[in-house]
All heavy atoms as atom14 arrays in JSON, in Angstrom:
{
  "sequence": "LTLFAVAMAVNILRGRSHIDCGCFNSALKQPLRWSLVIRNAVLVG",
  "atom14_mask": [
    [1, 1, 1, 1, 1, 1, 1, 1, 0, 0, 0, 0, 0, 0],
    [1, 1, 1, 1, 1, 1, 1, 0, 0, 0, 0, 0, 0, 0],
    [1, 1, 1, 1, 1, 1, 1, 1, 0, 0, 0, 0, 0, 0],
    [1, 1, 1, 1, 1, 1, 1, 1, 1, 1, 1, 0, 0, 0],
    [1, 1, 1, 1, 1, 0, 0, 0, 0, 0, 0, 0, 0, 0],
    [1, 1, 1, 1, 1, 1, 1, 0, 0, 0, 0, 0, 0, 0],
    [1, 1, 1, 1, 1, 0, 0, 0, 0, 0, 0, 0, 0, 0],
    [1, 1, 1, 1, 1, 1, 1, 1, 0, 0, 0, 0, 0, 0],
    [1, 1, 1, 1, 1, 0, 0, 0, 0, 0, 0, 0, 0, 0],
    [1, 1, 1, 1, 1, 1, 1, 0, 0, 0, 0, 0, 0, 0],
    [1, 1, 1, 1, 1, 1, 1, 1, 0, 0, 0, 0, 0, 0],
    [1, 1, 1, 1, 1, 1, 1, 1, 0, 0, 0, 0, 0, 0],
    [1, 1, 1, 1, 1, 1, 1, 1, 0, 0, 0, 0, 0, 0],
    [1, 1, 1, 1, 1, 1, 1, 1, 1, 1, 1, 0, 0, 0],
    [1, 1, 1, 1, 0, 0, 0, 0, 0, 0, 0, 0, 0, 0],
    [1, 1, 1, 1, 1, 1, 1, 1, 1, 1, 1, 0, 0, 0],
    [1, 1, 1, 1, 1, 1, 0, 0, 0, 0, 0, 0, 0, 0],
    [1, 1, 1, 1, 1, 1, 1, 1, 1, 1, 0, 0, 0, 0],
    [1, 1, 1, 1, 1, 1, 1, 1, 0, 0, 0, 0, 0, 0],
    [1, 1, 1, 1, 1, 1, 1, 1, 0, 0, 0, 0, 0, 0],
    [1, 1, 1, 1, 1, 1, 0, 0, 0, 0, 0, 0, 0, 0],
    [1, 1, 1, 1, 0, 0, 0, 0, 0, 0, 0, 0, 0, 0],
    [1, 1, 1, 1, 1, 1, 0, 0, 0, 0, 0, 0, 0, 0],
    [1, 1, 1, 1, 1, 1, 1, 1, 1, 1, 1, 0, 0, 0],
    [1, 1, 1, 1, 1, 1, 1, 1, 0, 0, 0, 0, 0, 0],
    [1, 1, 1, 1, 1, 1, 0, 0, 0, 0, 0, 0, 0, 0],
    [1, 1, 1, 1, 1, 0, 0, 0, 0, 0, 0, 0, 0, 0],
    [1, 1, 1, 1, 1, 1, 1, 1, 0, 0, 0, 0, 0, 0],
    [1, 1, 1, 1, 1, 1, 1, 1, 1, 0, 0, 0, 0, 0],
    [1, 1, 1, 1, 1, 1, 1, 1, 1, 0, 0, 0, 0, 0],
    [1, 1, 1, 1, 1, 1, 1, 0, 0, 0, 0, 0, 0, 0],
    [1, 1, 1, 1, 1, 1, 1, 1, 0, 0, 0, 0, 0, 0],
    [1, 1, 1, 1, 1, 1, 1, 1, 1, 1, 1, 0, 0, 0],
    [1, 1, 1, 1, 1, 1, 1, 1, 1, 1, 1, 1, 1, 1],
    [1, 1, 1, 1, 1, 1, 0, 0, 0, 0, 0, 0, 0, 0],
    [1, 1, 1, 1, 1, 1, 1, 1, 0, 0, 0, 0, 0, 0],
    [1, 1, 1, 1, 1, 1, 1, 0, 0, 0, 0, 0, 0, 0],
    [1, 1, 1, 1, 1, 1, 1, 1, 0, 0, 0, 0, 0, 0],
    [1, 1, 1, 1, 1, 1, 1, 1, 1, 1, 1, 0, 0, 0],
    [1, 1, 1, 1, 1, 1, 1, 1, 0, 0, 0, 0, 0, 0],
    [1, 1, 1, 1, 1, 0, 0, 0, 0, 0, 0, 0, 0, 0],
    [1, 1, 1, 1, 1, 1, 1, 0, 0, 0, 0, 0, 0, 0],
    [1, 1, 1, 1, 1, 1, 1, 1, 0, 0, 0, 0, 0, 0],
    [1, 1, 1, 1, 1, 1, 1, 0, 0, 0, 0, 0, 0, 0],
    [1, 1, 1, 1, 0, 0, 0, 0, 0, 0, 0, 0, 0, 0]
  ],
  "atom14_positions": [
    [[0.84, -1.22, 0.02], [0.04, -0.02, -0.01], [0.82, 1.2, -0.02], [0.5, 2.24, -0.61], [-0.9, 0.02, 1.13], [-2.06, -1.0, 1.1], [-2.76, -1.08, 2.47], [-3.09, -0.62, -0.05], [0.0, 0.0, 0.0], [0.0, 0.0, 0.0], [0.0, 0.0, 0.0], [0.0, 0.0, 0.0], [0.0, 0.0, 0.0], [0.0, 0.0, 0.0]],
    [[1.99, 1.17, 0.69], [2.86, 2.39, 0.72], [3.51, 2.56, -0.62], [3.65, 3.68, -1.14], [3.95, 2.17, 1.85], [3.29, 2.07, 3.07], [4.92, 3.36, 1.79], [0.0, 0.0, 0.0], [0.0, 0.0, 0.0], [0.0, 0.0, 0.0], [0.0, 0.0, 0.0], [0.0, 0.0, 0.0], [0.0, 0.0, 0.0], [0.0, 0.0, 0.0]],
    [[3.88, 1.44, -1.29], [4.44, 1.51, -2.65], [3.52, 2.2, -3.59], [3.85, 3.02, -4.35], [4.85, 0.11, -3.15], [5.32, -0.01, -4.62], [6.7, 0.55, -4.8], [5.31, -1.53, -5.03], [0.0, 0.0, 0.0], [0.0, 0.0, 0.0], [0.0, 0.0, 0.0], [0.0, 0.0, 0.0], [0.0, 0.0, 0.0], [0.0, 0.0, 0.0]],
    [[2.15, 1.76, -3.5], [1.17, 2.34, -4.27], [0.96, 3.81, -4.06], [0.8, 4.64, -5.02], [-0.16, 1.64, -4.18], [-0.04, 0.06, -4.43], [-0.97, -0.82, -3.76], [0.82, -0.44, -5.32], [-1.02, -2.06, -4.11], [0.9, -1.85, -5.56], [-0.05, -2.67, -4.88], [0.0, 0.0, 0.0], [0.0, 0.0, 0.0], [0.0, 0.0, 0.0]],
    [[1.0, 4.05, -2.74], [0.81, 5.58, -2.43], [1.86, 6.41, -2.93], [1.68, 7.53, -3.45], [0.61, 5.71, -0.89], [0.0, 0.0, 0.0], [0.0, 0.0, 0.0], [0.0, 0.0, 0.0], [0.0, 0.0, 0.0], [0.0, 0.0, 0.0], [0.0, 0.0, 0.0], [0.0, 0.0, 0.0], [0.0, 0.0, 0.0], [0.0, 0.0, 0.0]],
    [[3.13, 5.93, -2.83], [4.26, 6.7, -3.29], [4.18, 6.86, -4.79], [4.59, 7.91, -5.32], [5.58, 5.99, -2.86], [6.87, 6.57, -3.52], [5.74, 6.21, -1.34], [0.0, 0.0, 0.0], [0.0, 0.0, 0.0], [0.0, 0.0, 0.0], [0.0, 0.0, 0.0], [0.0, 0.0, 0.0], [0.0, 0.0, 0.0], [0.0, 0.0, 0.0]],
    [[3.89, 5.77, -5.54], [3.73, 5.93, -7.0], [2.8, 6.93, -7.4], [3.02, 7.67, -8.33], [3.41, 4.41, -7.52], [0.0, 0.0, 0.0], [0.0, 0.0, 0.0], [0.0, 0.0, 0.0], [0.0, 0.0, 0.0], [0.0, 0.0, 0.0], [0.0, 0.0, 0.0], [0.0, 0.0, 0.0], [0.0, 0.0, 0.0], [0.0, 0.0, 0.0]],
    [[1.62, 6.85, -6.65], [0.68, 7.94, -6.98], [1.1, 9.34, -6.58], [0.97, 10.3, -7.56], [-0.66, 7.63, -6.19], [-1.49, 6.41, -6.73], [-3.12, 6.22, -5.94], [-2.61, 5.22, -4.44], [0.0, 0.0, 0.0], [0.0, 0.0, 0.0], [0.0, 0.0, 0.0], [0.0, 0.0, 0.0], [0.0, 0.0, 0.0], [0.0, 0.0, 0.0]],
    [[1.71, 9.5, -5.51], [2.19, 10.78, -5.12], [3.31, 11.38, -6.05], [3.22, 12.49, -6.45], [2.75, 10.74, -3.7], [0.0, 0.0, 0.0], [0.0, 0.0, 0.0], [0.0, 0.0, 0.0], [0.0, 0.0, 0.0], [0.0, 0.0, 0.0], [0.0, 0.0, 0.0], [0.0, 0.0, 0.0], [0.0, 0.0, 0.0], [0.0, 0.0, 0.0]],
    [[4.19, 10.49, -6.48], [5.2, 10.91, -7.39], [4.55, 11.41, -8.72], [4.91, 12.37, -9.22], [6.2, 9.77, -7.71], [7.04, 10.08, -9.01], [7.07, 9.51, -6.51], [0.0, 0.0, 0.0], [0.0, 0.0, 0.0], [0.0, 0.0, 0.0], [0.0, 0.0, 0.0], [0.0, 0.0, 0.0], [0.0, 0.0, 0.0], [0.0, 0.0, 0.0]],
    [[3.59, 10.73, -9.16], [2.85, 11.2, -10.52], [2.06, 12.43, -10.28], [2.05, 13.19, -11.14], [2.04, 10.06, -11.05], [2.95, 9.17, -11.94], [3.25, 9.37, -13.12], [3.4, 8.01, -11.4], [0.0, 0.0, 0.0], [0.0, 0.0, 0.0], [0.0, 0.0, 0.0], [0.0, 0.0, 0.0], [0.0, 0.0, 0.0], [0.0, 0.0, 0.0]],
    [[1.42, 12.53, -9.12], [0.66, 13.77, -8.89], [1.72, 15.01, -8.84], [1.41, 16.06, -9.4], [-0.06, 13.69, -7.55], [-1.21, 12.65, -7.72], [-0.7, 15.05, -7.1], [-1.89, 12.26, -6.37], [0.0, 0.0, 0.0], [0.0, 0.0, 0.0], [0.0, 0.0, 0.0], [0.0, 0.0, 0.0], [0.0, 0.0, 0.0], [0.0, 0.0, 0.0]],
    [[2.8, 14.8, -8.18], [3.73, 15.91, -8.03], [4.41, 16.19, -9.4], [4.79, 17.27, -9.73], [4.84, 15.5, -7.03], [4.4, 15.45, -5.64], [5.45, 14.96, -4.75], [3.91, 16.88, -5.11], [0.0, 0.0, 0.0], [0.0, 0.0, 0.0], [0.0, 0.0, 0.0], [0.0, 0.0, 0.0], [0.0, 0.0, 0.0], [0.0, 0.0, 0.0]],
    [[4.47, 15.17, -10.24], [4.93, 15.4, -11.71], [3.92, 16.09, -12.57], [4.05, 16.35, -13.78], [5.26, 14.09, -12.32], [6.6, 13.47, -11.76], [6.85, 12.16, -12.53], [8.06, 11.55, -12.15], [8.44, 10.31, -12.5], [7.53, 9.52, -13.2], [9.56, 9.85, -12.03], [0.0, 0.0, 0.0], [0.0, 0.0, 0.0], [0.0, 0.0, 0.0]],
    [[2.67, 16.25, -12.02], [1.6, 16.87, -12.86], [0.86, 15.88, -13.64], [0.17, 16.2, -14.66], [0.0, 0.0, 0.0], [0.0, 0.0, 0.0], [0.0, 0.0, 0.0], [0.0, 0.0, 0.0], [0.0, 0.0, 0.0], [0.0, 0.0, 0.0], [0.0, 0.0, 0.0], [0.0, 0.0, 0.0], [0.0, 0.0, 0.0], [0.0, 0.0, 0.0]],
    [[1.0, 14.6, -13.36], [0.37, 13.53, -14.21], [-0.77, 12.95, -13.44], [-0.97, 11.66, -13.32], [1.36, 12.43, -14.47], [2.59, 12.96, -15.28], [3.6, 11.83, -15.58], [3.18, 10.6, -15.75], [2.52, 10.21, -16.93], [2.29, 10.94, -17.97], [2.14, 8.92, -17.09], [0.0, 0.0, 0.0], [0.0, 0.0, 0.0], [0.0, 0.0, 0.0]],
    [[-1.7, 13.69, -12.89], [-2.87, 13.2, -12.1], [-3.99, 12.66, -13.05], [-4.83, 12.11, -12.61], [-3.39, 14.25, -11.26], [-3.85, 15.42, -11.96], [0.0, 0.0, 0.0], [0.0, 0.0, 0.0], [0.0, 0.0, 0.0], [0.0, 0.0, 0.0], [0.0, 0.0, 0.0], [0.0, 0.0, 0.0], [0.0, 0.0, 0.0], [0.0, 0.0, 0.0]],
    [[-3.85, 12.92, -14.36], [-4.77, 12.5, -15.25], [-4.81, 10.91, -15.56], [-5.78, 10.36, -16.08], [-4.61, 13.19, -16.68], [-3.34, 12.87, -17.27], [-2.08, 13.44, -16.93], [-3.06, 11.95, -18.24], [-1.19, 12.96, -17.68], [-1.67, 12.05, -18.45], [0.0, 0.0, 0.0], [0.0, 0.0, 0.0], [0.0, 0.0, 0.0], [0.0, 0.0, 0.0]],
    [[-3.8, 10.17, -15.14], [-3.67, 8.8, -15.38], [-4.58, 8.03, -14.46], [-4.84, 8.51, -13.33], [-2.26, 8.27, -15.49], [-1.64, 8.35, -14.03], [-1.38, 8.98, -16.47], [-0.2, 7.74, -13.96], [0.0, 0.0, 0.0], [0.0, 0.0, 0.0], [0.0, 0.0, 0.0], [0.0, 0.0, 0.0], [0.0, 0.0, 0.0], [0.0, 0.0, 0.0]],
    [[-4.97, 6.86, -14.86], [-5.8, 5.99, -14.04], [-4.99, 5.35, -12.86], [-3.92, 4.92, -13.18], [-6.44, 4.89, -14.87], [-7.35, 3.9, -14.06], [-7.98, 4.39, -13.19], [-7.38, 2.78, -14.49], [0.0, 0.0, 0.0], [0.0, 0.0, 0.0], [0.0, 0.0, 0.0], [0.0, 0.0, 0.0], [0.0, 0.0, 0.0], [0.0, 0.0, 0.0]],
    [[-5.53, 5.34, -11.69], [-4.83, 4.73, -10.46], [-4.59, 3.3, -10.68], [-3.57, 2.79, -10.22], [-5.58, 5.12, -9.25], [-6.91, 4.17, -8.93], [0.0, 0.0, 0.0], [0.0, 0.0, 0.0], [0.0, 0.0, 0.0], [0.0, 0.0, 0.0], [0.0, 0.0, 0.0], [0.0, 0.0, 0.0], [0.0, 0.0, 0.0], [0.0, 0.0, 0.0]],
    [[-5.5, 2.6, -11.38], [-5.4, 1.22, -11.61], [-5.7, 0.4, -10.27], [-5.44, -0.89, -10.22], [0.0, 0.0, 0.0], [0.0, 0.0, 0.0], [0.0, 0.0, 0.0], [0.0, 0.0, 0.0], [0.0, 0.0, 0.0], [0.0, 0.0, 0.0], [0.0, 0.0, 0.0], [0.0, 0.0, 0.0], [0.0, 0.0, 0.0], [0.0, 0.0, 0.0]],
    [[-6.3, 1.02, -9.34], [-6.56, 0.34, -8.06], [-7.39, -0.76, -8.06], [-7.06, -1.85, -7.55], [-7.15, 1.37, -7.15], [-6.21, 2.9, -6.84], [0.0, 0.0, 0.0], [0.0, 0.0, 0.0], [0.0, 0.0, 0.0], [0.0, 0.0, 0.0], [0.0, 0.0, 0.0], [0.0, 0.0, 0.0], [0.0, 0.0, 0.0], [0.0, 0.0, 0.0]],
    [[-8.5, -0.69, -8.79], [-9.36, -1.85, -8.84], [-9.79, -2.09, -10.28], [-10.61, -2.94, -10.59], [-10.69, -1.6, -8.07], [-10.51, -1.52, -6.69], [-10.29, -0.45, -5.89], [-10.39, -2.8, -5.94], [-9.98, -0.44, -4.5], [-10.1, -2.85, -4.49], [-9.96, -1.59, -3.85], [0.0, 0.0, 0.0], [0.0, 0.0, 0.0], [0.0, 0.0, 0.0]],
    [[-9.12, -1.42, -11.26], [-9.26, -1.62, -12.72], [-10.66, -1.96, -13.07], [-10.95, -3.04, -13.76], [-8.33, -2.79, -13.07], [-7.97, -2.68, -14.57], [-8.53, -1.74, -15.27], [-7.28, -3.66, -15.11], [0.0, 0.0, 0.0], [0.0, 0.0, 0.0], [0.0, 0.0, 0.0], [0.0, 0.0, 0.0], [0.0, 0.0, 0.0], [0.0, 0.0, 0.0]],
    [[-11.54, -1.15, -12.77], [-12.96, -1.38, -13.09], [-13.48, -0.37, -14.04], [-12.73, 0.47, -14.53], [-13.81, -1.4, -11.88], [-13.86, -0.08, -11.25], [0.0, 0.0, 0.0], [0.0, 0.0, 0.0], [0.0, 0.0, 0.0], [0.0, 0.0, 0.0], [0.0, 0.0, 0.0], [0.0, 0.0, 0.0], [0.0, 0.0, 0.0], [0.0, 0.0, 0.0]],
    [[-14.79, -0.35, -14.22], [-15.32, 0.79, -14.94], [-15.23, 2.14, -14.31], [-15.41, 3.18, -14.89], [-16.93, 0.47, -15.18], [0.0, 0.0, 0.0], [0.0, 0.0, 0.0], [0.0, 0.0, 0.0], [0.0, 0.0, 0.0], [0.0, 0.0, 0.0], [0.0, 0.0, 0.0], [0.0, 0.0, 0.0], [0.0, 0.0, 0.0], [0.0, 0.0, 0.0]],
    [[-14.83, 2.07, -13.01], [-14.67, 3.35, -12.24], [-13.29, 3.87, -12.48], [-12.42, 3.73, -11.55], [-14.99, 3.17, -10.77], [-16.46, 2.56, -10.46], [-16.54, 2.26, -9.0], [-17.44, 3.73, -10.9], [0.0, 0.0, 0.0], [0.0, 0.0, 0.0], [0.0, 0.0, 0.0], [0.0, 0.0, 0.0], [0.0, 0.0, 0.0], [0.0, 0.0, 0.0]],
    [[-12.92, 4.3, -13.57], [-11.56, 4.84, -13.81], [-11.4, 6.13, -12.87], [-12.12, 6.97, -12.83], [-11.38, 5.15, -15.28], [-11.58, 4.17, -16.24], [-10.59, 3.06, -16.01], [-10.8, 1.95, -17.01], [-10.11, 0.75, -16.7], [0.0, 0.0, 0.0], [0.0, 0.0, 0.0], [0.0, 0.0, 0.0], [0.0, 0.0, 0.0], [0.0, 0.0, 0.0]],
    [[-10.34, 6.0, -12.1], [-10.02, 7.07, -11.19], [-8.76, 7.71, -11.47], [-7.68, 7.04, -11.44], [-10.03, 6.46, -9.78], [-11.27, 5.96, -9.3], [-11.21, 5.51, -7.74], [-11.08, 6.36, -6.97], [-11.24, 4.2, -7.62], [0.0, 0.0, 0.0], [0.0, 0.0, 0.0], [0.0, 0.0, 0.0], [0.0, 0.0, 0.0], [0.0, 0.0, 0.0]],
    [[-8.74, 9.0, -11.73], [-7.5, 9.69, -11.9], [-6.82, 9.75, -10.62], [-7.46, 9.75, -9.54], [-7.91, 11.17, -12.54], [-9.38, 11.27, -12.08], [-9.91, 9.94, -12.08], [0.0, 0.0, 0.0], [0.0, 0.0, 0.0], [0.0, 0.0, 0.0], [0.0, 0.0, 0.0], [0.0, 0.0, 0.0], [0.0, 0.0, 0.0], [0.0, 0.0, 0.0]],
    [[-5.53, 9.95, -10.63], [-4.69, 10.12, -9.4], [-5.15, 11.31, -8.75], [-5.39, 12.39, -9.23], [-3.29, 10.13, -9.63], [-2.71, 8.89, -10.5], [-1.21, 9.13, -10.62], [-3.01, 7.58, -9.69], [0.0, 0.0, 0.0], [0.0, 0.0, 0.0], [0.0, 0.0, 0.0], [0.0, 0.0, 0.0], [0.0, 0.0, 0.0], [0.0, 0.0, 0.0]],
    [[-5.16, 11.24, -7.3], [-5.52, 12.5, -6.5], [-5.01, 12.1, -5.16], [-4.81, 10.96, -4.77], [-6.96, 12.71, -6.51], [-7.9, 11.7, -6.17], [-9.3, 12.07, -6.45], [-10.27, 11.05, -6.12], [-10.53, 10.0, -6.96], [-10.1, 9.96, -8.18], [-11.33, 9.05, -6.56], [0.0, 0.0, 0.0], [0.0, 0.0, 0.0], [0.0, 0.0, 0.0]],
    [[-4.9, 13.17, -4.35], [-4.35, 13.0, -2.94], [-5.29, 12.2, -2.06], [-4.73, 11.51, -1.22], [-4.06, 14.38, -2.35], [-2.87, 15.03, -2.99], [-2.91, 16.12, -3.75], [-1.52, 14.61, -2.9], [-1.62, 16.53, -4.19], [-0.8, 15.57, -3.81], [-0.85, 13.57, -2.31], [0.57, 15.46, -3.82], [0.51, 13.36, -2.44], [1.23, 14.3, -3.22]],
    [[-6.55, 12.2, -2.37], [-7.46, 11.4, -1.47], [-7.14, 9.86, -1.56], [-7.4, 9.21, -0.64], [-8.93, 11.78, -1.82], [-9.2, 11.33, -3.21], [0.0, 0.0, 0.0], [0.0, 0.0, 0.0], [0.0, 0.0, 0.0], [0.0, 0.0, 0.0], [0.0, 0.0, 0.0], [0.0, 0.0, 0.0], [0.0, 0.0, 0.0], [0.0, 0.0, 0.0]],
    [[-6.68, 9.48, -2.82], [-6.32, 8.08, -2.96], [-5.03, 7.74, -2.06], [-4.85, 6.65, -1.54], [-6.05, 7.69, -4.36], [-7.31, 7.75, -5.27], [-7.0, 7.51, -6.63], [-8.39, 6.71, -4.74], [0.0, 0.0, 0.0], [0.0, 0.0, 0.0], [0.0, 0.0, 0.0], [0.0, 0.0, 0.0], [0.0, 0.0, 0.0], [0.0, 0.0, 0.0]],
    [[-4.1, 8.73, -2.09], [-2.89, 8.55, -1.33], [-3.24, 8.5, 0.21], [-2.69, 7.63, 0.9], [-1.88, 9.7, -1.61], [-0.73, 9.62, -0.7], [-1.5, 9.68, -3.05], [0.0, 0.0, 0.0], [0.0, 0.0, 0.0], [0.0, 0.0, 0.0], [0.0, 0.0, 0.0], [0.0, 0.0, 0.0], [0.0, 0.0, 0.0], [0.0, 0.0, 0.0]],
    [[-4.2, 9.31, 0.58], [-4.59, 9.35, 2.02], [-5.37, 8.04, 2.39], [-5.2, 7.49, 3.45], [-5.46, 10.69, 2.24], [-4.6, 11.88, 2.16], [-6.22, 10.56, 3.66], [-5.35, 13.15, 2.1], [0.0, 0.0, 0.0], [0.0, 0.0, 0.0], [0.0, 0.0, 0.0], [0.0, 0.0, 0.0], [0.0, 0.0, 0.0], [0.0, 0.0, 0.0]],
    [[-6.14, 7.6, 1.47], [-6.87, 6.25, 1.66], [-5.86, 5.24, 1.96], [-6.06, 4.52, 2.89], [-7.75, 5.98, 0.43], [-8.31, 4.64, 0.6], [-8.75, 3.99, -0.72], [-7.63, 3.74, -1.63], [-7.63, 3.48, -2.89], [-8.81, 3.54, -3.48], [-6.6, 3.25, -3.63], [0.0, 0.0, 0.0], [0.0, 0.0, 0.0], [0.0, 0.0, 0.0]],
    [[-4.78, 5.22, 1.08], [-3.74, 4.14, 1.39], [-3.07, 4.37, 2.74], [-2.73, 3.29, 3.45], [-2.73, 4.11, 0.18], [-3.25, 3.27, -0.95], [-4.5, 3.14, -1.18], [-2.44, 2.87, -1.78], [0.0, 0.0, 0.0], [0.0, 0.0, 0.0], [0.0, 0.0, 0.0], [0.0, 0.0, 0.0], [0.0, 0.0, 0.0], [0.0, 0.0, 0.0]],
    [[-2.86, 5.61, 3.06], [-2.19, 5.88, 4.41], [-3.13, 5.43, 5.6], [-2.62, 4.85, 6.48], [-1.9, 7.3, 4.5], [0.0, 0.0, 0.0], [0.0, 0.0, 0.0], [0.0, 0.0, 0.0], [0.0, 0.0, 0.0], [0.0, 0.0, 0.0], [0.0, 0.0, 0.0], [0.0, 0.0, 0.0], [0.0, 0.0, 0.0], [0.0, 0.0, 0.0]],
    [[-4.46, 5.66, 5.32], [-5.39, 5.14, 6.43], [-5.29, 3.64, 6.5], [-5.29, 3.05, 7.63], [-6.73, 5.62, 6.2], [-7.76, 5.09, 7.04], [-6.81, 7.26, 6.31], [0.0, 0.0, 0.0], [0.0, 0.0, 0.0], [0.0, 0.0, 0.0], [0.0, 0.0, 0.0], [0.0, 0.0, 0.0], [0.0, 0.0, 0.0], [0.0, 0.0, 0.0]],
    [[-5.32, 2.95, 5.4], [-5.16, 1.53, 5.37], [-3.97, 1.01, 6.0], [-3.9, 0.04, 6.7], [-5.5, 0.94, 3.89], [-6.84, 1.16, 3.33], [-6.81, 0.71, 1.89], [-7.91, 0.53, 4.14], [0.0, 0.0, 0.0], [0.0, 0.0, 0.0], [0.0, 0.0, 0.0], [0.0, 0.0, 0.0], [0.0, 0.0, 0.0], [0.0, 0.0, 0.0]],
    [[-2.86, 1.7, 5.73], [-1.62, 1.32, 6.35], [-1.68, 1.49, 7.9], [-1.16, 0.64, 8.68], [-0.42, 2.18, 5.76], [0.85, 1.94, 6.63], [-0.11, 1.78, 4.33], [0.0, 0.0, 0.0], [0.0, 0.0, 0.0], [0.0, 0.0, 0.0], [0.0, 0.0, 0.0], [0.0, 0.0, 0.0], [0.0, 0.0, 0.0], [0.0, 0.0, 0.0]],
    [[-2.3, 2.62, 8.31], [-2.5, 2.75, 9.77], [-3.22, 1.62, 10.38], [-2.97, 1.11, 11.46], [0.0, 0.0, 0.0], [0.0, 0.0, 0.0], [0.0, 0.0, 0.0], [0.0, 0.0, 0.0], [0.0, 0.0, 0.0], [0.0, 0.0, 0.0], [0.0, 0.0, 0.0], [0.0, 0.0, 0.0], [0.0, 0.0, 0.0], [0.0, 0.0, 0.0]]
  ]
}
């Protein structure tokens, strides 16, 4: 989960938030955003 969060954060900081997170690879395509990074941090907690 930390690896995934870091990968998302790096891309957000690079300005590449338009890409799909790939979290559940469903019809719910989710662009990268800080709330996904926070979600992973909560799960790590």
